[in-house]
Amino acid sequence: MTVSFAILDMDGTLLSKRSIDIICERFGLVRRLREIDLRYADAPRYLLTEKIGELFAGMNVSELEDAFDSIPLSNDVEEFIAFLKELGFIIAVATDSYKFLADRLKNRLRLDLAYGNILEVKRKIITGRVSCKLGCLNIPGCRRYSVCKLRVLKSLKDELGGLSVAVGDGDSDYCMFKGADISIAYRPKTCRLIANASTTVQEFGEAIKFLKEQLQRG
């Protein structure tokens, strides 16, 4: 028996804003974040992830959790998830942010799986070190994110065997769009994501309508 599954990006997709931006705004780290973004603009993305993690060294993990929990969901996200659940989909959130934050969103939305980077925490204090397991599959155009969403997709495909749906908005979603049966670009931020998407939507209601049409065609 095969089971269909969906992999949903977190920042800018399930969440209406990028979590790292909100957290840095809360703690006065915006300038330092921008400096890192500029300095590592052309570097492999896992290096950017490592450097951003250093910003939070010495902070209590609960401070990041509180800031994260304040981020609103994107419009109609809960309806979209309810639609997928009604169809029997396994639903995963995958992010190049941190897994402990993705786990909070997974629990909030009652999703099945969460994937993200491991930000090291000792006695509730963040060390600033990020565990980046480089599972990148290095497809053409890959920017070497430490969380390879294509690898996540292939792993779930091998395990579940069903239809794969990918939803995302940015460059970190490019690789999983290349491997998904159906890919939905939600308010996309890059041209190449649009070019590799099955469809582009501005609202999750449009995503529901598109998926219904695709599934009816078989």
Protein backbone atom coordinates (compact mmCIF):
# COMPACT_ATOMS: atom_id res chain seq x y z
CA MET A 1 0.00 0.00 0.00
CA THR A 2 1.35 3.42 -0.95
CA VAL A 3 0.72 6.66 0.94
CA SER A 4 0.80 10.14 -0.56
CA PHE A 5 2.81 12.80 1.21
CA ALA A 6 3.43 16.54 1.17
CA ILE A 7 6.57 18.44 2.14
CA LEU A 8 5.85 22.02 3.14
CA ASP A 9 8.41 24.78 3.58
CA MET A 10 8.17 26.73 6.84
CA ASP A 11 9.33 30.35 6.51
CA GLY A 12 7.29 32.41 4.08
CA THR A 13 5.07 29.42 3.29
CA LEU A 14 3.39 27.96 6.38
CA LEU A 15 4.48 31.05 8.28
CA SER A 16 3.73 34.50 6.90
CA LYS A 17 7.22 35.78 7.73
CA ARG A 18 10.78 34.46 7.88
CA SER A 19 11.43 33.29 11.44
CA ILE A 20 15.07 34.40 11.50
CA ASP A 21 13.99 37.94 10.59
CA ILE A 22 11.43 38.11 13.40
CA ILE A 23 13.84 36.67 15.96
CA CYS A 24 16.60 39.09 14.97
CA GLU A 25 14.18 42.02 15.11
CA ARG A 26 13.11 40.99 18.61
CA PHE A 27 16.69 40.94 19.91
CA GLY A 28 18.31 43.79 17.98
CA LEU A 29 20.32 41.56 15.66
CA VAL A 30 19.05 42.83 12.31
CA ARG A 31 22.23 44.73 11.39
CA ARG A 32 24.45 41.74 12.17
CA LEU A 33 22.13 39.45 10.21
CA ARG A 34 22.34 41.71 7.16
CA GLU A 35 26.13 41.80 7.41
CA ILE A 36 26.23 38.00 7.39
CA ASP A 37 23.77 37.82 4.48
CA LEU A 38 25.98 40.18 2.43
CA ARG A 39 29.29 38.58 3.38
CA TYR A 40 28.12 35.08 2.54
CA ALA A 41 25.81 35.92 -0.37
CA ASP A 42 27.71 33.69 -2.80
CA ALA A 43 28.85 31.04 -0.33
CA PRO A 44 27.32 27.58 0.10
CA ARG A 45 24.14 28.03 2.13
CA TYR A 46 25.29 25.76 4.95
CA LEU A 47 28.04 28.28 5.79
CA LEU A 48 25.42 31.02 6.10
CA THR A 49 23.43 28.76 8.44
CA GLU A 50 26.48 28.20 10.63
CA LYS A 51 27.27 31.92 10.89
CA ILE A 52 23.68 32.91 11.70
CA GLY A 53 23.60 30.32 14.47
CA GLU A 54 26.50 32.12 16.17
CA LEU A 55 24.28 35.19 16.66
CA PHE A 56 22.26 33.38 19.31
CA ALA A 57 25.12 32.11 21.47
CA GLY A 58 24.36 32.65 25.15
CA MET A 59 20.62 33.14 24.70
CA ASN A 60 18.02 31.02 26.45
CA VAL A 61 16.22 28.77 23.99
CA SER A 62 12.86 29.91 25.39
CA GLU A 63 13.54 33.43 24.10
CA LEU A 64 13.70 32.16 20.52
CA GLU A 65 10.64 30.00 21.07
CA ASP A 66 8.62 32.96 22.34
CA ALA A 67 9.61 35.09 19.33
CA PHE A 68 8.87 32.22 16.96
CA ASP A 69 5.42 31.60 18.43
CA SER A 70 4.45 35.20 17.67
CA ILE A 71 4.74 34.71 13.90
CA PRO A 72 1.31 34.50 12.21
CA LEU A 73 0.43 31.63 9.92
CA SER A 74 -0.09 32.37 6.24
CA ASN A 75 -3.71 32.82 5.19
CA ASP A 76 -5.71 29.58 4.87
CA VAL A 77 -2.80 27.33 5.89
CA GLU A 78 -4.97 25.40 8.32
CA GLU A 79 -7.60 24.81 5.63
CA PHE A 80 -4.92 23.52 3.26
CA ILE A 81 -3.57 21.12 5.87
CA ALA A 82 -7.08 19.92 6.72
CA PHE A 83 -7.60 19.24 3.00
CA LEU A 84 -4.42 17.15 2.80
CA LYS A 85 -5.32 15.22 5.94
CA GLU A 86 -8.76 14.46 4.57
CA LEU A 87 -7.04 12.87 1.58
CA GLY A 88 -4.83 10.77 3.87
CA PHE A 89 -1.55 12.57 3.16
CA ILE A 90 1.45 12.31 5.46
CA ILE A 91 2.52 15.93 6.01
CA ALA A 92 6.06 17.09 6.75
CA VAL A 93 7.51 20.53 7.40
CA ALA A 94 11.07 20.97 6.12
CA THR A 95 13.16 24.05 6.73
CA ASP A 96 16.72 25.36 6.54
CA SER A 97 15.94 27.00 9.90
CA TYR A 98 16.06 25.04 13.17
CA LYS A 99 14.40 21.74 13.93
CA PHE A 100 13.27 22.71 17.45
CA LEU A 101 11.28 25.55 15.87
CA ALA A 102 9.94 23.28 13.11
CA ASP A 103 8.85 20.84 15.83
CA ARG A 104 6.84 23.59 17.52
CA LEU A 105 5.06 24.35 14.26
CA LYS A 106 4.53 20.64 13.62
CA ASN A 107 2.82 20.34 17.00
CA ARG A 108 0.81 23.53 16.50
CA LEU A 109 -0.56 22.33 13.15
CA ARG A 110 -0.60 18.62 14.06
CA LEU A 111 1.69 17.60 11.23
CA ASP A 112 3.47 14.26 11.02
CA LEU A 113 7.15 15.03 10.51
CA ALA A 114 9.64 17.89 10.88
CA TYR A 115 13.10 18.39 9.37
CA GLY A 116 15.59 21.17 10.12
CA ASN A 117 19.05 22.07 11.40
CA ILE A 118 20.05 21.18 14.94
CA LEU A 119 20.97 24.28 16.95
CA GLU A 120 23.02 23.07 19.90
CA VAL A 121 21.50 23.80 23.31
CA LYS A 122 23.05 22.97 26.70
CA ARG A 123 20.98 23.43 29.85
CA LYS A 124 18.56 25.59 27.86
CA ILE A 125 21.35 27.93 26.70
CA ILE A 126 22.21 28.13 23.00
CA THR A 127 25.89 27.51 22.25
CA GLY A 128 25.74 29.03 18.77
CA ARG A 129 26.88 25.84 17.09
CA VAL A 130 24.74 24.30 14.37
CA SER A 131 24.88 20.65 13.44
CA CYS A 132 24.81 20.68 9.64
CA LYS A 133 24.62 17.19 8.24
CA LEU A 134 25.57 17.78 4.63
CA GLY A 135 23.19 15.46 2.84
CA CYS A 136 23.14 17.58 -0.28
CA LEU A 137 22.55 15.61 -3.48
CA ASN A 138 24.39 18.24 -5.55
CA ILE A 139 21.99 18.47 -8.46
CA PRO A 140 22.76 21.16 -11.07
CA GLY A 141 22.04 24.59 -9.64
CA CYS A 142 22.18 23.39 -6.02
CA ARG A 143 23.32 26.01 -3.50
CA ARG A 144 24.25 23.39 -0.88
CA TYR A 145 21.75 23.88 1.88
CA SER A 146 22.48 21.83 4.99
CA VAL A 147 18.92 20.48 4.96
CA CYS A 148 18.50 18.90 1.53
CA LYS A 149 14.78 18.85 0.89
CA LEU A 150 15.27 16.68 -2.19
CA ARG A 151 16.90 14.04 0.02
CA VAL A 152 13.94 14.28 2.41
CA LEU A 153 11.57 13.85 -0.53
CA LYS A 154 13.45 10.85 -1.93
CA SER A 155 13.58 9.21 1.50
CA LEU A 156 9.83 9.59 1.99
CA LYS A 157 9.20 8.40 -1.57
CA ASP A 158 11.19 5.24 -0.87
CA GLU A 159 9.33 4.68 2.39
CA LEU A 160 5.78 5.64 1.39
CA GLY A 161 5.76 5.23 -2.38
CA GLY A 162 2.81 7.52 -3.06
CA LEU A 163 2.24 10.84 -4.77
CA SER A 164 4.66 13.55 -3.65
CA VAL A 165 3.62 17.19 -3.28
CA ALA A 166 6.10 19.99 -2.53
CA VAL A 167 5.10 23.50 -1.49
CA GLY A 168 7.57 26.35 -1.02
CA ASP A 169 8.51 29.91 -1.81
CA GLY A 170 12.28 30.21 -2.10
CA ASP A 171 15.64 28.98 -3.26
CA SER A 172 15.90 26.24 -0.62
CA ASP A 173 12.84 24.61 -2.20
CA TYR A 174 14.29 24.41 -5.71
CA CYS A 175 15.77 20.93 -5.31
CA MET A 176 12.59 19.31 -3.97
CA PHE A 177 10.60 20.94 -6.77
CA LYS A 178 12.84 19.07 -9.22
CA GLY A 179 11.90 15.75 -7.62
CA ALA A 180 8.24 16.18 -6.67
CA ASP A 181 5.30 14.82 -8.64
CA ILE A 182 3.43 18.08 -7.99
CA SER A 183 5.18 21.30 -6.96
CA ILE A 184 3.35 24.42 -5.82
CA ALA A 185 5.17 27.75 -5.62
CA TYR A 186 3.49 29.87 -2.94
CA ARG A 187 4.22 33.58 -3.49
CA PRO A 188 7.59 32.59 -4.99
CA LYS A 189 10.66 34.73 -4.49
CA THR A 190 12.85 33.33 -7.27
CA CYS A 191 12.37 32.97 -11.01
CA ARG A 192 13.83 29.48 -11.13
CA LEU A 193 11.31 28.25 -8.57
CA ILE A 194 8.51 29.54 -10.80
CA ALA A 195 10.13 27.86 -13.81
CA ASN A 196 10.16 24.49 -12.03
CA ALA A 197 6.73 24.66 -10.41
CA SER A 198 3.61 22.82 -11.53
CA THR A 199 1.71 25.99 -10.61
CA THR A 200 2.15 29.31 -8.83
CA VAL A 201 -0.36 30.52 -6.23
CA GLN A 202 -0.85 33.59 -4.07
CA GLU A 203 -3.24 31.97 -1.59
CA PHE A 204 -3.62 28.46 -0.19
CA GLY A 205 -7.21 28.36 -1.42
CA GLU A 206 -5.75 28.36 -4.94
CA ALA A 207 -3.47 25.47 -3.96
CA ILE A 208 -6.47 23.45 -2.77
CA LYS A 209 -8.30 24.09 -6.04
CA PHE A 210 -5.25 23.12 -8.12
CA LEU A 211 -4.66 19.90 -6.19
CA LYS A 212 -8.31 18.92 -6.51
CA GLU A 213 -8.06 19.34 -10.28
CA GLN A 214 -4.84 17.35 -10.49
CA LEU A 215 -6.13 14.49 -8.37
CA GLN A 216 -9.38 14.28 -10.33
CA ARG A 217 -7.35 13.81 -13.52
CA GLY A 218 -5.58 10.93 -11.83
